[in-house]
mmCIF file of all heavy atoms, coordinates in Angstrom:
data_MODEL
# 
_entry.id   MODEL 
# 
loop_
_atom_site.group_PDB 
_atom_site.id 
_atom_site.type_symbol 
_atom_site.label_atom_id 
_atom_site.label_alt_id 
_atom_site.label_comp_id 
_atom_site.label_asym_id 
_atom_site.label_entity_id 
_atom_site.label_seq_id 
_atom_site.pdbx_PDB_ins_code 
_atom_site.Cartn_x 
_atom_site.Cartn_y 
_atom_site.Cartn_z 
_atom_site.occupancy 
_atom_site.B_iso_or_equiv 
_atom_site.pdbx_formal_charge 
_atom_site.auth_seq_id 
_atom_site.auth_comp_id 
_atom_site.auth_asym_id 
_atom_site.auth_atom_id 
_atom_site.pdbx_PDB_model_num 
ATOM 1   N N   . LEU A 1 1  ? 18.057 -0.185  18.643 1.00 0.00 ? 1  LEU A N   1 
ATOM 2   C CA  . LEU A 1 1  ? 17.345 0.167   17.425 1.00 0.00 ? 1  LEU A CA  1 
ATOM 3   C C   . LEU A 1 1  ? 15.872 -0.064  17.650 1.00 0.00 ? 1  LEU A C   1 
ATOM 4   O O   . LEU A 1 1  ? 15.456 -1.158  18.014 1.00 0.00 ? 1  LEU A O   1 
ATOM 5   C CB  . LEU A 1 1  ? 17.872 -0.680  16.245 1.00 0.00 ? 1  LEU A CB  1 
ATOM 6   C CG  . LEU A 1 1  ? 17.176 -0.513  14.898 1.00 0.00 ? 1  LEU A CG  1 
ATOM 7   C CD1 . LEU A 1 1  ? 17.421 0.878   14.353 1.00 0.00 ? 1  LEU A CD1 1 
ATOM 8   C CD2 . LEU A 1 1  ? 17.655 -1.546  13.915 1.00 0.00 ? 1  LEU A CD2 1 
ATOM 9   N N   . SER A 1 2  ? 15.101 0.962   17.402 1.00 0.00 ? 2  SER A N   1 
ATOM 10  C CA  . SER A 1 2  ? 13.653 0.796   17.539 1.00 0.00 ? 2  SER A CA  1 
ATOM 11  C C   . SER A 1 2  ? 13.135 -0.010  16.364 1.00 0.00 ? 2  SER A C   1 
ATOM 12  O O   . SER A 1 2  ? 13.568 0.173   15.212 1.00 0.00 ? 2  SER A O   1 
ATOM 13  C CB  . SER A 1 2  ? 12.977 2.151   17.525 1.00 0.00 ? 2  SER A CB  1 
ATOM 14  O OG  . SER A 1 2  ? 11.569 2.043   17.310 1.00 0.00 ? 2  SER A OG  1 
ATOM 15  N N   . PRO A 1 3  ? 12.201 -0.961  16.586 1.00 0.00 ? 3  PRO A N   1 
ATOM 16  C CA  . PRO A 1 3  ? 11.629 -1.721  15.489 1.00 0.00 ? 3  PRO A CA  1 
ATOM 17  C C   . PRO A 1 3  ? 11.060 -0.777  14.385 1.00 0.00 ? 3  PRO A C   1 
ATOM 18  O O   . PRO A 1 3  ? 11.123 -1.118  13.216 1.00 0.00 ? 3  PRO A O   1 
ATOM 19  C CB  . PRO A 1 3  ? 10.522 -2.521  16.150 1.00 0.00 ? 3  PRO A CB  1 
ATOM 20  C CG  . PRO A 1 3  ? 10.986 -2.713  17.553 1.00 0.00 ? 3  PRO A CG  1 
ATOM 21  C CD  . PRO A 1 3  ? 11.680 -1.423  17.897 1.00 0.00 ? 3  PRO A CD  1 
ATOM 22  N N   . ALA A 1 4  ? 10.534 0.343   14.803 1.00 0.00 ? 4  ALA A N   1 
ATOM 23  C CA  . ALA A 1 4  ? 9.972  1.290   13.832 1.00 0.00 ? 4  ALA A CA  1 
ATOM 24  C C   . ALA A 1 4  ? 11.018 1.875   12.931 1.00 0.00 ? 4  ALA A C   1 
ATOM 25  O O   . ALA A 1 4  ? 10.720 2.306   11.782 1.00 0.00 ? 4  ALA A O   1 
ATOM 26  C CB  . ALA A 1 4  ? 9.192  2.396   14.543 1.00 0.00 ? 4  ALA A CB  1 
ATOM 27  N N   . ASP A 1 5  ? 12.292 1.881   13.392 1.00 0.00 ? 5  ASP A N   1 
ATOM 28  C CA  . ASP A 1 5  ? 13.384 2.463   12.599 1.00 0.00 ? 5  ASP A CA  1 
ATOM 29  C C   . ASP A 1 5  ? 14.214 1.373   11.910 1.00 0.00 ? 5  ASP A C   1 
ATOM 30  O O   . ASP A 1 5  ? 15.182 1.709   11.215 1.00 0.00 ? 5  ASP A O   1 
ATOM 31  C CB  . ASP A 1 5  ? 14.308 3.292   13.484 1.00 0.00 ? 5  ASP A CB  1 
ATOM 32  C CG  . ASP A 1 5  ? 13.611 4.501   14.073 1.00 0.00 ? 5  ASP A CG  1 
ATOM 33  O OD1 . ASP A 1 5  ? 12.732 5.021   13.403 1.00 0.00 ? 5  ASP A OD1 1 
ATOM 34  O OD2 . ASP A 1 5  ? 13.944 4.860   15.225 1.00 0.00 ? 5  ASP A OD2 1 
ATOM 35  N N   . ALA A 1 6  ? 13.815 0.136   12.080 1.00 0.00 ? 6  ALA A N   1 
ATOM 36  C CA  . ALA A 1 6  ? 14.592 -0.963  11.482 1.00 0.00 ? 6  ALA A CA  1 
ATOM 37  C C   . ALA A 1 6  ? 14.290 -1.082  9.958  1.00 0.00 ? 6  ALA A C   1 
ATOM 38  O O   . ALA A 1 6  ? 13.376 -0.421  9.445  1.00 0.00 ? 6  ALA A O   1 
ATOM 39  C CB  . ALA A 1 6  ? 14.215 -2.287  12.167 1.00 0.00 ? 6  ALA A CB  1 
ATOM 40  N N   . HIS A 1 7  ? 15.090 -1.892  9.305  1.00 0.00 ? 7  HIS A N   1 
ATOM 41  C CA  . HIS A 1 7  ? 14.893 -2.114  7.873  1.00 0.00 ? 7  HIS A CA  1 
ATOM 42  C C   . HIS A 1 7  ? 13.465 -2.601  7.605  1.00 0.00 ? 7  HIS A C   1 
ATOM 43  O O   . HIS A 1 7  ? 12.852 -3.253  8.436  1.00 0.00 ? 7  HIS A O   1 
ATOM 44  C CB  . HIS A 1 7  ? 15.900 -3.162  7.390  1.00 0.00 ? 7  HIS A CB  1 
ATOM 45  C CG  . HIS A 1 7  ? 16.032 -3.322  5.914  1.00 0.00 ? 7  HIS A CG  1 
ATOM 46  N ND1 . HIS A 1 7  ? 15.104 -4.016  5.183  1.00 0.00 ? 7  HIS A ND1 1 
ATOM 47  C CD2 . HIS A 1 7  ? 16.929 -2.841  5.017  1.00 0.00 ? 7  HIS A CD2 1 
ATOM 48  C CE1 . HIS A 1 7  ? 15.427 -3.995  3.896  1.00 0.00 ? 7  HIS A CE1 1 
ATOM 49  N NE2 . HIS A 1 7  ? 16.547 -3.280  3.782  1.00 0.00 ? 7  HIS A NE2 1 
ATOM 50  N N   . ALA A 1 8  ? 12.934 -2.265  6.447  1.00 0.00 ? 8  ALA A N   1 
ATOM 51  C CA  . ALA A 1 8  ? 11.563 -2.632  6.113  1.00 0.00 ? 8  ALA A CA  1 
ATOM 52  C C   . ALA A 1 8  ? 11.357 -4.175  6.217  1.00 0.00 ? 8  ALA A C   1 
ATOM 53  O O   . ALA A 1 8  ? 10.277 -4.637  6.583  1.00 0.00 ? 8  ALA A O   1 
ATOM 54  C CB  . ALA A 1 8  ? 11.243 -2.130  4.699  1.00 0.00 ? 8  ALA A CB  1 
ATOM 55  N N   . ASP A 1 9  ? 12.384 -4.939  5.844  1.00 0.00 ? 9  ASP A N   1 
ATOM 56  C CA  . ASP A 1 9  ? 12.279 -6.389  5.938  1.00 0.00 ? 9  ASP A CA  1 
ATOM 57  C C   . ASP A 1 9  ? 12.115 -6.832  7.389  1.00 0.00 ? 9  ASP A C   1 
ATOM 58  O O   . ASP A 1 9  ? 11.380 -7.792  7.689  1.00 0.00 ? 9  ASP A O   1 
ATOM 59  C CB  . ASP A 1 9  ? 13.502 -7.068  5.307  1.00 0.00 ? 9  ASP A CB  1 
ATOM 60  C CG  . ASP A 1 9  ? 13.512 -6.926  3.792  1.00 0.00 ? 9  ASP A CG  1 
ATOM 61  O OD1 . ASP A 1 9  ? 12.453 -6.707  3.206  1.00 0.00 ? 9  ASP A OD1 1 
ATOM 62  O OD2 . ASP A 1 9  ? 14.584 -7.078  3.193  1.00 0.00 ? 9  ASP A OD2 1 
ATOM 63  N N   . VAL A 1 10 ? 12.827 -6.192  8.310  1.00 0.00 ? 10 VAL A N   1 
ATOM 64  C CA  . VAL A 1 10 ? 12.706 -6.563  9.702  1.00 0.00 ? 10 VAL A CA  1 
ATOM 65  C C   . VAL A 1 10 ? 11.315 -6.237  10.225 1.00 0.00 ? 10 VAL A C   1 
ATOM 66  O O   . VAL A 1 10 ? 10.659 -7.024  10.931 1.00 0.00 ? 10 VAL A O   1 
ATOM 67  C CB  . VAL A 1 10 ? 13.784 -5.801  10.567 1.00 0.00 ? 10 VAL A CB  1 
ATOM 68  C CG1 . VAL A 1 10 ? 13.557 -6.042  12.044 1.00 0.00 ? 10 VAL A CG1 1 
ATOM 69  C CG2 . VAL A 1 10 ? 15.169 -6.234  10.100 1.00 0.00 ? 10 VAL A CG2 1 
ATOM 70  N N   . ARG A 1 11 ? 10.785 -5.063  9.831  1.00 0.00 ? 11 ARG A N   1 
ATOM 71  C CA  . ARG A 1 11 ? 9.447  -4.685  10.244 1.00 0.00 ? 11 ARG A CA  1 
ATOM 72  C C   . ARG A 1 11 ? 8.433  -5.692  9.671  1.00 0.00 ? 11 ARG A C   1 
ATOM 73  O O   . ARG A 1 11 ? 7.463  -6.082  10.385 1.00 0.00 ? 11 ARG A O   1 
ATOM 74  C CB  . ARG A 1 11 ? 9.128  -3.256  9.790  1.00 0.00 ? 11 ARG A CB  1 
ATOM 75  C CG  . ARG A 1 11 ? 10.029 -2.219  10.358 1.00 0.00 ? 11 ARG A CG  1 
ATOM 76  C CD  . ARG A 1 11 ? 9.462  -0.804  10.255 1.00 0.00 ? 11 ARG A CD  1 
ATOM 77  N NE  . ARG A 1 11 ? 9.129  -0.462  8.860  1.00 0.00 ? 11 ARG A NE  1 
ATOM 78  C CZ  . ARG A 1 11 ? 9.983  0.121   8.012  1.00 0.00 ? 11 ARG A CZ  1 
ATOM 79  N NH1 . ARG A 1 11 ? 11.219 0.404   8.435  1.00 0.00 ? 11 ARG A NH1 1 
ATOM 80  N NH2 . ARG A 1 11 ? 9.615  0.449   6.783  1.00 0.00 ? 11 ARG A NH2 1 
ATOM 81  N N   . GLU A 1 12 ? 8.582  -6.073  8.420  1.00 0.00 ? 12 GLU A N   1 
ATOM 82  C CA  . GLU A 1 12 ? 7.695  -7.023  7.822  1.00 0.00 ? 12 GLU A CA  1 
ATOM 83  C C   . GLU A 1 12 ? 7.672  -8.376  8.540  1.00 0.00 ? 12 GLU A C   1 
ATOM 84  O O   . GLU A 1 12 ? 6.622  -8.943  8.837  1.00 0.00 ? 12 GLU A O   1 
ATOM 85  C CB  . GLU A 1 12 ? 8.044  -7.241  6.347  1.00 0.00 ? 12 GLU A CB  1 
ATOM 86  C CG  . GLU A 1 12 ? 7.197  -8.280  5.630  1.00 0.00 ? 12 GLU A CG  1 
ATOM 87  C CD  . GLU A 1 12 ? 7.629  -8.539  4.181  1.00 0.00 ? 12 GLU A CD  1 
ATOM 88  O OE1 . GLU A 1 12 ? 8.233  -7.619  3.577  1.00 0.00 ? 12 GLU A OE1 1 
ATOM 89  O OE2 . GLU A 1 12 ? 7.435  -9.671  3.719  1.00 0.00 ? 12 GLU A OE2 1 
ATOM 90  N N   . VAL A 1 13 ? 8.885  -8.896  8.825  1.00 0.00 ? 13 VAL A N   1 
ATOM 91  C CA  . VAL A 1 13 ? 8.992  -10.182 9.477  1.00 0.00 ? 13 VAL A CA  1 
ATOM 92  C C   . VAL A 1 13 ? 8.404  -10.154 10.879 1.00 0.00 ? 13 VAL A C   1 
ATOM 93  O O   . VAL A 1 13 ? 7.643  -11.059 11.268 1.00 0.00 ? 13 VAL A O   1 
ATOM 94  C CB  . VAL A 1 13 ? 10.459 -10.663 9.530  1.00 0.00 ? 13 VAL A CB  1 
ATOM 95  C CG1 . VAL A 1 13 ? 10.665 -11.763 10.523 1.00 0.00 ? 13 VAL A CG1 1 
ATOM 96  C CG2 . VAL A 1 13 ? 10.916 -11.082 8.115  1.00 0.00 ? 13 VAL A CG2 1 
ATOM 97  N N   . LEU A 1 14 ? 8.729  -9.122  11.648 1.00 0.00 ? 14 LEU A N   1 
ATOM 98  C CA  . LEU A 1 14 ? 8.179  -9.049  13.031 1.00 0.00 ? 14 LEU A CA  1 
ATOM 99  C C   . LEU A 1 14 ? 6.675  -8.895  13.014 1.00 0.00 ? 14 LEU A C   1 
ATOM 100 O O   . LEU A 1 14 ? 5.988  -9.464  13.868 1.00 0.00 ? 14 LEU A O   1 
ATOM 101 C CB  . LEU A 1 14 ? 8.839  -7.864  13.787 1.00 0.00 ? 14 LEU A CB  1 
ATOM 102 C CG  . LEU A 1 14 ? 10.328 -8.040  14.068 1.00 0.00 ? 14 LEU A CG  1 
ATOM 103 C CD1 . LEU A 1 14 ? 10.880 -6.791  14.789 1.00 0.00 ? 14 LEU A CD1 1 
ATOM 104 C CD2 . LEU A 1 14 ? 10.581 -9.293  14.923 1.00 0.00 ? 14 LEU A CD2 1 
ATOM 105 N N   . ALA A 1 15 ? 6.139  -8.158  12.054 1.00 0.00 ? 15 ALA A N   1 
ATOM 106 C CA  . ALA A 1 15 ? 4.687  -8.015  11.935 1.00 0.00 ? 15 ALA A CA  1 
ATOM 107 C C   . ALA A 1 15 ? 4.037  -9.332  11.590 1.00 0.00 ? 15 ALA A C   1 
ATOM 108 O O   . ALA A 1 15 ? 2.993  -9.684  12.151 1.00 0.00 ? 15 ALA A O   1 
ATOM 109 C CB  . ALA A 1 15 ? 4.335  -6.931  10.892 1.00 0.00 ? 15 ALA A CB  1 
ATOM 110 N N   . ARG A 1 16 ? 4.630  -10.055 10.693 1.00 0.00 ? 16 ARG A N   1 
ATOM 111 C CA  . ARG A 1 16 ? 4.057  -11.374 10.326 1.00 0.00 ? 16 ARG A CA  1 
ATOM 112 C C   . ARG A 1 16 ? 4.176  -12.362 11.478 1.00 0.00 ? 16 ARG A C   1 
ATOM 113 O O   . ARG A 1 16 ? 3.266  -13.187 11.702 1.00 0.00 ? 16 ARG A O   1 
ATOM 114 C CB  . ARG A 1 16 ? 4.822  -11.921 9.090  1.00 0.00 ? 16 ARG A CB  1 
ATOM 115 C CG  . ARG A 1 16 ? 4.259  -13.260 8.583  1.00 0.00 ? 16 ARG A CG  1 
ATOM 116 C CD  . ARG A 1 16 ? 2.826  -13.140 8.173  1.00 0.00 ? 16 ARG A CD  1 
ATOM 117 N NE  . ARG A 1 16 ? 2.329  -14.440 7.657  1.00 0.00 ? 16 ARG A NE  1 
ATOM 118 C CZ  . ARG A 1 16 ? 1.104  -14.881 7.849  1.00 0.00 ? 16 ARG A CZ  1 
ATOM 119 N NH1 . ARG A 1 16 ? 0.237  -14.159 8.571  1.00 0.00 ? 16 ARG A NH1 1 
ATOM 120 N NH2 . ARG A 1 16 ? 0.716  -16.022 7.362  1.00 0.00 ? 16 ARG A NH2 1 
ATOM 121 N N   . CYS A 1 17 ? 5.255  -12.262 12.270 1.00 0.00 ? 17 CYS A N   1 
ATOM 122 C CA  . CYS A 1 17 ? 5.354  -13.130 13.461 1.00 0.00 ? 17 CYS A CA  1 
ATOM 123 C C   . CYS A 1 17 ? 4.206  -12.854 14.414 1.00 0.00 ? 17 CYS A C   1 
ATOM 124 O O   . CYS A 1 17 ? 3.635  -13.762 15.017 1.00 0.00 ? 17 CYS A O   1 
ATOM 125 C CB  . CYS A 1 17 ? 6.713  -12.900 14.130 1.00 0.00 ? 17 CYS A CB  1 
ATOM 126 S SG  . CYS A 1 17 ? 8.120  -13.636 13.275 1.00 0.00 ? 17 CYS A SG  1 
ATOM 127 N N   . ASP A 1 18 ? 3.885  -11.553 14.605 1.00 0.00 ? 18 ASP A N   1 
ATOM 128 C CA  . ASP A 1 18 ? 2.758  -11.215 15.487 1.00 0.00 ? 18 ASP A CA  1 
ATOM 129 C C   . ASP A 1 18 ? 1.457  -11.782 14.948 1.00 0.00 ? 18 ASP A C   1 
ATOM 130 O O   . ASP A 1 18 ? 0.599  -12.293 15.727 1.00 0.00 ? 18 ASP A O   1 
ATOM 131 C CB  . ASP A 1 18 ? 2.670  -9.708  15.629 1.00 0.00 ? 18 ASP A CB  1 
ATOM 132 C CG  . ASP A 1 18 ? 3.796  -9.125  16.478 1.00 0.00 ? 18 ASP A CG  1 
ATOM 133 O OD1 . ASP A 1 18 ? 4.420  -9.874  17.235 1.00 0.00 ? 18 ASP A OD1 1 
ATOM 134 O OD2 . ASP A 1 18 ? 4.026  -7.903  16.357 1.00 0.00 ? 18 ASP A OD2 1 
ATOM 135 N N   . GLU A 1 19 ? 1.230  -11.695 13.635 1.00 0.00 ? 19 GLU A N   1 
ATOM 136 C CA  . GLU A 1 19 ? 0.028  -12.265 13.033 1.00 0.00 ? 19 GLU A CA  1 
ATOM 137 C C   . GLU A 1 19 ? -0.080 -13.745 13.251 1.00 0.00 ? 19 GLU A C   1 
ATOM 138 O O   . GLU A 1 19 ? -1.115 -14.278 13.605 1.00 0.00 ? 19 GLU A O   1 
ATOM 139 C CB  . GLU A 1 19 ? -0.010 -11.940 11.538 1.00 0.00 ? 19 GLU A CB  1 
ATOM 140 C CG  . GLU A 1 19 ? -0.146 -10.476 11.176 1.00 0.00 ? 19 GLU A CG  1 
ATOM 141 C CD  . GLU A 1 19 ? -0.010 -10.229 9.719  1.00 0.00 ? 19 GLU A CD  1 
ATOM 142 O OE1 . GLU A 1 19 ? 0.310  -11.168 8.953  1.00 0.00 ? 19 GLU A OE1 1 
ATOM 143 O OE2 . GLU A 1 19 ? -0.255 -9.081  9.301  1.00 0.00 ? 19 GLU A OE2 1 
ATOM 144 N N   . LEU A 1 20 ? 1.036  -14.449 13.063 1.00 0.00 ? 20 LEU A N   1 
ATOM 145 C CA  . LEU A 1 20 ? 1.038  -15.892 13.222 1.00 0.00 ? 20 LEU A CA  1 
ATOM 146 C C   . LEU A 1 20 ? 0.890  -16.346 14.662 1.00 0.00 ? 20 LEU A C   1 
ATOM 147 O O   . LEU A 1 20 ? 0.278  -17.354 14.921 1.00 0.00 ? 20 LEU A O   1 
ATOM 148 C CB  . LEU A 1 20 ? 2.333  -16.482 12.606 1.00 0.00 ? 20 LEU A CB  1 
ATOM 149 C CG  . LEU A 1 20 ? 2.376  -16.490 11.081 1.00 0.00 ? 20 LEU A CG  1 
ATOM 150 C CD1 . LEU A 1 20 ? 3.771  -16.661 10.577 1.00 0.00 ? 20 LEU A CD1 1 
ATOM 151 C CD2 . LEU A 1 20 ? 1.476  -17.588 10.530 1.00 0.00 ? 20 LEU A CD2 1 
ATOM 152 N N   . ARG A 1 21 ? 1.437  -15.511 15.582 1.00 0.00 ? 21 ARG A N   1 
ATOM 153 C CA  . ARG A 1 21 ? 1.213  -15.833 16.986 1.00 0.00 ? 21 ARG A CA  1 
ATOM 154 C C   . ARG A 1 21 ? -0.261 -15.831 17.331 1.00 0.00 ? 21 ARG A C   1 
ATOM 155 O O   . ARG A 1 21 ? -0.758 -16.721 18.024 1.00 0.00 ? 21 ARG A O   1 
ATOM 156 C CB  . ARG A 1 21 ? 1.977  -14.847 17.874 1.00 0.00 ? 21 ARG A CB  1 
ATOM 157 C CG  . ARG A 1 21 ? 1.875  -15.140 19.357 1.00 0.00 ? 21 ARG A CG  1 
ATOM 158 C CD  . ARG A 1 21 ? 2.602  -14.083 20.202 1.00 0.00 ? 21 ARG A CD  1 
ATOM 159 N NE  . ARG A 1 21 ? 2.598  -14.430 21.601 1.00 0.00 ? 21 ARG A NE  1 
ATOM 160 C CZ  . ARG A 1 21 ? 1.555  -14.189 22.447 1.00 0.00 ? 21 ARG A CZ  1 
ATOM 161 N NH1 . ARG A 1 21 ? 0.467  -13.582 21.954 1.00 0.00 ? 21 ARG A NH1 1 
ATOM 162 N NH2 . ARG A 1 21 ? 1.625  -14.542 23.689 1.00 0.00 ? 21 ARG A NH2 1 
ATOM 163 N N   . ALA A 1 22 ? -1.010 -14.814 16.836 1.00 0.00 ? 22 ALA A N   1 
ATOM 164 C CA  . ALA A 1 22 ? -2.392 -14.752 17.085 1.00 0.00 ? 22 ALA A CA  1 
ATOM 165 C C   . ALA A 1 22 ? -3.145 -15.892 16.377 1.00 0.00 ? 22 ALA A C   1 
ATOM 166 O O   . ALA A 1 22 ? -4.068 -16.517 16.954 1.00 0.00 ? 22 ALA A O   1 
ATOM 167 C CB  . ALA A 1 22 ? -2.958 -13.392 16.662 1.00 0.00 ? 22 ALA A CB  1 
ATOM 168 N N   . GLU A 1 23 ? -2.767 -16.143 15.129 1.00 0.00 ? 23 GLU A N   1 
ATOM 169 C CA  . GLU A 1 23 ? -3.425 -17.174 14.346 1.00 0.00 ? 23 GLU A CA  1 
ATOM 170 C C   . GLU A 1 23 ? -3.275 -18.566 14.931 1.00 0.00 ? 23 GLU A C   1 
ATOM 171 O O   . GLU A 1 23 ? -4.182 -19.383 14.812 1.00 0.00 ? 23 GLU A O   1 
ATOM 172 C CB  . GLU A 1 23 ? -2.876 -17.101 12.934 1.00 0.00 ? 23 GLU A CB  1 
ATOM 173 C CG  . GLU A 1 23 ? -3.621 -17.992 11.925 1.00 0.00 ? 23 GLU A CG  1 
ATOM 174 C CD  . GLU A 1 23 ? -3.069 -17.869 10.525 1.00 0.00 ? 23 GLU A CD  1 
ATOM 175 O OE1 . GLU A 1 23 ? -2.303 -16.915 10.277 1.00 0.00 ? 23 GLU A OE1 1 
ATOM 176 O OE2 . GLU A 1 23 ? -3.417 -18.713 9.675  1.00 0.00 ? 23 GLU A OE2 1 
ATOM 177 N N   . THR A 1 24 ? -2.145 -18.838 15.548 1.00 0.00 ? 24 THR A N   1 
ATOM 178 C CA  . THR A 1 24 ? -1.856 -20.141 16.103 1.00 0.00 ? 24 THR A CA  1 
ATOM 179 C C   . THR A 1 24 ? -2.115 -20.231 17.610 1.00 0.00 ? 24 THR A C   1 
ATOM 180 O O   . THR A 1 24 ? -1.770 -21.203 18.256 1.00 0.00 ? 24 THR A O   1 
ATOM 181 C CB  . THR A 1 24 ? -0.394 -20.543 15.848 1.00 0.00 ? 24 THR A CB  1 
ATOM 182 O OG1 . THR A 1 24 ? 0.470  -19.647 16.533 1.00 0.00 ? 24 THR A OG1 1 
ATOM 183 C CG2 . THR A 1 24 ? -0.065 -20.544 14.377 1.00 0.00 ? 24 THR A CG2 1 
# 
């Protein structure tokens, strides 16, 4: 399953994880 085709909640969580990785 491509992340782009995943449920909106999955896309939201993975995007926030990327933001937090950069922030920390």
